[in-house]
């Protein structure tokens, strides 16, 4: 066996193993078999999110929440990574007991794993008007800055700046008499637009990095209702005031629509 195998190496090895069992199997047959197997596994995982192969192991689809990640180029830039599905594999007992694999006690595993320290918080400076060539700030512009890649309390803390901003946007929608609010992604920035009878009443510009963070916060305030479509949810501001939300993907990102009902 090779230390690292690509698709062609794996097909050739599979063909040799099949021939050693007395089965006529060419490299072309092995390539087609691998393609069919992976397609079937992909379809099964997408449908059931779990796939078990006897004596081999179990594949699971795990969901990772949204987070801020650093650029791998080392330029200190940060990016928003939306919720992501990741496939995990839990090997069977047969695989774990295979020659070359040694089980270790839990205590030893904890020592080997170590105790990684949380990353220190890093404050991202907000450009001041002087740094922008004395450009006058738009009164509708909102700046949201994530101060830590691991800090997610701004989603759950109702007193956080993000929570207060989100509630202020919803309240402003009511105050302006807007029937609808759209959170539109654009190339350089994102835009919040209040509309009545499909005519714009007011707008806000927000940094592109804050776009998805605001959308995720709004989603966290919403709940499903049986009378709505599967991708629609409701935010209850009061017993008489409710807002329906739904979103769709565009080439520039996620577009969210909020409508008063």
Protein backbone atom coordinates (compact mmCIF):
# COMPACT_ATOMS: atom_id res chain seq x y z
CA UNK A 1 0.00 0.00 0.00
CA UNK A 2 1.16 3.53 -0.73
CA UNK A 3 1.49 6.12 2.01
CA UNK A 4 -0.72 8.50 0.07
CA UNK A 5 -3.05 7.34 -2.69
CA UNK A 6 -4.83 9.38 -5.32
CA UNK A 7 -7.86 8.18 -7.25
CA UNK A 8 -5.83 6.30 -9.89
CA UNK A 9 -3.63 4.59 -7.27
CA UNK A 10 -6.69 3.54 -5.30
CA UNK A 11 -8.38 2.15 -8.43
CA UNK A 12 -5.27 0.15 -9.32
CA UNK A 13 -4.96 -1.21 -5.75
CA UNK A 14 -8.65 -2.12 -5.70
CA UNK A 15 -8.32 -3.96 -9.03
CA UNK A 16 -5.34 -5.95 -7.70
CA UNK A 17 -7.23 -6.89 -4.52
CA UNK A 18 -10.25 -8.04 -6.51
CA UNK A 19 -8.09 -10.13 -8.87
CA UNK A 20 -6.37 -11.72 -5.87
CA UNK A 21 -9.82 -12.92 -4.80
CA UNK A 22 -10.35 -14.53 -8.19
CA UNK A 23 -12.61 -11.78 -9.57
CA UNK A 24 -11.92 -10.36 -13.01
CA UNK A 25 -11.59 -6.65 -12.35
CA UNK A 26 -9.75 -4.06 -14.46
CA UNK A 27 -8.58 -0.60 -13.46
CA UNK A 28 -11.41 0.85 -15.58
CA UNK A 29 -13.92 -1.31 -13.67
CA UNK A 30 -12.43 -0.12 -10.39
CA UNK A 31 -12.65 3.55 -11.44
CA UNK A 32 -16.34 3.15 -12.36
CA UNK A 33 -16.99 1.29 -9.10
CA UNK A 34 -15.37 4.08 -7.02
CA UNK A 35 -17.40 6.74 -8.87
CA UNK A 36 -20.65 4.84 -8.29
CA UNK A 37 -19.80 4.21 -4.62
CA UNK A 38 -18.97 7.85 -3.86
CA UNK A 39 -22.08 9.07 -5.69
CA UNK A 40 -24.28 6.69 -3.69
CA UNK A 41 -22.62 7.67 -0.39
CA UNK A 42 -23.00 11.36 -1.20
CA UNK A 43 -26.70 10.96 -1.95
CA UNK A 44 -27.24 8.94 1.24
CA UNK A 45 -25.43 11.45 3.45
CA UNK A 46 -27.30 14.37 1.91
CA UNK A 47 -30.62 12.63 2.60
CA UNK A 48 -30.07 10.90 5.96
CA UNK A 49 -26.91 12.73 7.26
CA UNK A 50 -25.60 9.36 8.47
CA UNK A 51 -24.19 6.29 6.70
CA UNK A 52 -22.95 3.08 8.34
CA UNK A 53 -20.83 0.47 6.56
CA UNK A 54 -20.52 -2.77 8.51
CA UNK A 55 -16.98 -3.56 9.75
CA UNK A 56 -15.76 -0.25 8.35
CA UNK A 57 -17.37 2.60 10.27
CA UNK A 58 -19.98 5.33 10.28
CA UNK A 59 -19.98 8.60 8.33
CA UNK A 60 -21.78 11.52 9.99
CA UNK A 61 -22.64 15.01 8.75
CA UNK A 62 -21.80 17.49 11.51
CA UNK A 63 -22.89 21.13 11.35
CA UNK A 64 -20.45 23.84 12.35
CA UNK A 65 -21.86 27.23 13.30
CA UNK A 66 -20.93 30.52 11.71
CA UNK A 67 -17.64 32.06 12.81
CA UNK A 68 -14.98 34.60 11.93
CA UNK A 69 -11.81 33.10 10.42
CA UNK A 70 -8.39 34.54 9.66
CA UNK A 71 -6.95 34.62 6.17
CA UNK A 72 -4.53 31.70 5.56
CA UNK A 73 -2.27 34.12 3.65
CA UNK A 74 -1.05 35.66 6.91
CA UNK A 75 -2.24 39.17 5.98
CA UNK A 76 -4.30 39.47 9.21
CA UNK A 77 -7.56 39.87 7.28
CA UNK A 78 -10.68 38.29 8.74
CA UNK A 79 -13.62 36.77 6.95
CA UNK A 80 -17.07 35.54 7.93
CA UNK A 81 -17.58 31.80 7.38
CA UNK A 82 -21.28 30.83 7.23
CA UNK A 83 -22.62 27.64 8.85
CA UNK A 84 -20.88 24.65 7.25
CA UNK A 85 -21.58 20.92 6.99
CA UNK A 86 -18.54 18.69 7.63
CA UNK A 87 -18.36 14.91 7.16
CA UNK A 88 -16.87 12.96 10.07
CA UNK A 89 -15.91 9.28 10.14
CA UNK A 90 -16.10 7.03 13.19
CA UNK A 91 -14.09 3.85 12.47
CA UNK A 92 -15.50 0.48 13.46
CA UNK A 93 -13.91 -1.75 16.07
CA UNK A 94 -12.37 -3.82 13.29
CA UNK A 95 -10.57 -0.77 11.90
CA UNK A 96 -9.46 0.46 15.32
CA UNK A 97 -7.99 -2.93 16.22
CA UNK A 98 -6.14 -3.23 12.88
CA UNK A 99 -2.39 -3.84 13.09
CA UNK A 100 -0.58 -0.57 13.46
CA UNK A 101 -3.34 1.06 15.50
CA UNK A 102 -2.97 1.11 19.26
CA UNK A 103 -5.65 2.18 21.70
CA UNK A 104 -4.44 4.41 24.51
CA UNK A 105 -6.05 5.23 27.87
CA UNK A 106 -8.16 8.37 28.16
CA UNK A 107 -5.60 9.93 30.49
CA UNK A 108 -2.84 9.49 27.92
CA UNK A 109 -5.07 10.86 25.18
CA UNK A 110 -5.68 14.04 27.19
CA UNK A 111 -1.92 14.49 27.61
CA UNK A 112 -1.29 14.03 23.90
CA UNK A 113 -4.13 16.37 22.99
CA UNK A 114 -2.76 19.10 25.19
CA UNK A 115 -4.61 22.12 26.45
CA UNK A 116 -4.78 24.78 23.73
CA UNK A 117 -5.15 28.32 25.01
CA UNK A 118 -7.90 30.57 23.59
CA UNK A 119 -6.72 33.14 21.10
CA UNK A 120 -6.29 36.60 22.60
CA UNK A 121 -8.93 39.10 21.67
CA UNK A 122 -7.90 41.50 18.96
CA UNK A 123 -9.67 44.77 18.46
CA UNK A 124 -10.17 45.71 14.84
CA UNK A 125 -9.74 49.50 14.49
CA UNK A 126 -12.55 51.41 12.79
CA UNK A 127 -11.23 53.87 10.19
CA UNK A 128 -11.75 57.45 11.33
CA UNK A 129 -12.94 60.21 8.98
CA UNK A 130 -9.42 61.66 8.90
CA UNK A 131 -8.07 58.32 7.65
CA UNK A 132 -10.68 58.27 4.90
CA UNK A 133 -9.57 61.57 3.45
CA UNK A 134 -11.91 63.62 5.65
CA UNK A 135 -14.86 61.98 3.93
CA UNK A 136 -18.08 62.79 5.74
CA UNK A 137 -19.69 59.76 7.35
CA UNK A 138 -23.10 58.75 6.07
CA UNK A 139 -25.57 59.27 8.96
CA UNK A 140 -27.18 55.93 8.07
CA UNK A 141 -23.88 54.02 8.21
CA UNK A 142 -23.50 51.40 10.93
CA UNK A 143 -20.18 49.87 11.97
CA UNK A 144 -20.09 46.46 13.68
CA UNK A 145 -16.70 45.05 14.67
CA UNK A 146 -16.06 41.50 15.82
CA UNK A 147 -13.40 41.68 18.53
CA UNK A 148 -12.57 38.00 18.81
CA UNK A 149 -12.61 35.04 16.44
CA UNK A 150 -13.88 32.77 19.21
CA UNK A 151 -16.25 35.15 20.97
CA UNK A 152 -19.87 34.37 20.00
CA UNK A 153 -21.65 35.93 22.98
CA UNK A 154 -22.84 38.79 20.76
CA UNK A 155 -25.46 36.34 19.39
CA UNK A 156 -26.95 35.39 22.76
CA UNK A 157 -26.33 38.47 24.91
CA UNK A 158 -29.45 40.65 24.64
CA UNK A 159 -27.46 43.66 25.90
CA UNK A 160 -24.70 43.35 23.31
CA UNK A 161 -24.27 46.08 20.64
CA UNK A 162 -25.42 43.61 17.97
CA UNK A 163 -28.64 42.82 19.85
CA UNK A 164 -29.38 46.50 20.45
CA UNK A 165 -28.67 47.34 16.81
CA UNK A 166 -30.93 44.57 15.51
CA UNK A 167 -33.82 45.63 17.74
CA UNK A 168 -33.29 49.27 16.72
CA UNK A 169 -33.51 48.32 13.04
CA UNK A 170 -36.77 46.46 13.61
CA UNK A 171 -38.19 49.33 15.64
CA UNK A 172 -37.11 51.85 13.01
CA UNK A 173 -38.95 49.80 10.41
CA UNK A 174 -42.14 50.31 12.44
CA UNK A 175 -41.43 54.00 13.14
CA UNK A 176 -40.88 54.80 9.45
CA UNK A 177 -44.08 53.01 8.51
CA UNK A 178 -42.17 50.67 6.23
CA UNK A 179 -43.98 47.58 5.02
CA UNK A 180 -40.76 45.79 4.13
CA UNK A 181 -37.03 45.88 4.84
CA UNK A 182 -34.40 44.28 2.63
CA UNK A 183 -30.83 43.48 3.67
CA UNK A 184 -29.07 43.43 0.31
CA UNK A 185 -25.49 42.25 -0.24
CA UNK A 186 -23.46 44.33 -2.66
CA UNK A 187 -19.91 44.08 -3.95
CA UNK A 188 -18.16 46.42 -1.51
CA UNK A 189 -20.79 47.04 1.19
CA UNK A 190 -24.23 45.82 2.21
CA UNK A 191 -27.37 47.92 2.22
CA UNK A 192 -30.50 48.01 4.41
CA UNK A 193 -33.48 49.45 2.52
CA UNK A 194 -36.86 50.31 4.07
CA UNK A 195 -39.76 50.16 1.60
CA UNK A 196 -43.46 51.08 1.52
CA UNK A 197 -45.55 50.09 -1.49
CA UNK A 198 -42.26 48.91 -3.04
CA UNK A 199 -40.84 52.47 -2.87
CA UNK A 200 -37.70 53.16 -0.79
CA UNK A 201 -38.18 55.29 2.34
CA UNK A 202 -34.66 55.21 3.80
CA UNK A 203 -31.46 53.17 3.66
CA UNK A 204 -28.38 52.29 5.67
CA UNK A 205 -24.93 51.20 4.58
CA UNK A 206 -23.16 48.55 6.65
CA UNK A 207 -19.70 46.99 6.28
CA UNK A 208 -19.72 43.79 4.22
CA UNK A 209 -18.18 41.81 7.11
CA UNK A 210 -21.22 42.69 9.27
CA UNK A 211 -23.80 41.59 6.68
CA UNK A 212 -24.07 37.90 7.58
CA UNK A 213 -23.67 38.57 11.31
CA UNK A 214 -26.80 40.76 11.31
CA UNK A 215 -28.73 38.18 9.27
CA UNK A 216 -27.80 35.37 11.67
CA UNK A 217 -28.88 37.50 14.63
CA UNK A 218 -32.26 38.22 13.03
CA UNK A 219 -32.70 34.50 12.35
CA UNK A 220 -32.00 33.75 16.01
CA UNK A 221 -34.95 35.98 16.99
CA UNK A 222 -37.41 34.22 14.67
CA UNK A 223 -39.58 31.13 15.12
CA UNK A 224 -41.41 28.93 12.57
CA UNK A 225 -45.19 28.97 12.23
CA UNK A 226 -47.34 26.20 10.71
CA UNK A 227 -49.15 28.52 8.27
CA UNK A 228 -45.94 29.73 6.63
CA UNK A 229 -43.70 28.19 3.98
CA UNK A 230 -40.78 26.07 5.24
CA UNK A 231 -38.23 28.86 4.62
CA UNK A 232 -40.35 31.56 6.28
CA UNK A 233 -40.33 32.45 9.98
CA UNK A 234 -41.91 35.03 12.30
CA UNK A 235 -40.48 37.60 14.71
CA UNK A 236 -43.05 38.72 17.30
CA UNK A 237 -42.44 42.29 18.45
CA UNK A 238 -45.75 42.35 20.35
CA UNK A 239 -49.09 40.57 20.32
CA UNK A 240 -50.27 42.77 17.45
CA UNK A 241 -47.00 43.40 15.62
CA UNK A 242 -45.26 40.58 13.78
CA UNK A 243 -42.61 40.47 11.05
CA UNK A 244 -42.19 37.65 8.54
CA UNK A 245 -38.63 36.91 7.39
CA UNK A 246 -37.21 34.85 4.55
CA UNK A 247 -33.98 34.86 2.59
CA UNK A 248 -32.48 33.76 -0.71
CA UNK A 249 -28.96 33.33 -2.05
CA UNK A 250 -27.54 35.73 -4.63
CA UNK A 251 -24.11 35.79 -6.35
CA UNK A 252 -23.01 38.42 -3.80
CA UNK A 253 -24.36 36.70 -0.68
CA UNK A 254 -27.59 36.12 1.25
CA UNK A 255 -30.48 38.53 0.66
CA UNK A 256 -32.94 38.75 3.58
CA UNK A 257 -36.44 40.22 3.38
CA UNK A 258 -38.50 41.30 6.41
CA UNK A 259 -42.23 41.99 5.91
CA UNK A 260 -44.78 43.26 8.39
CA UNK A 261 -47.79 40.96 8.68
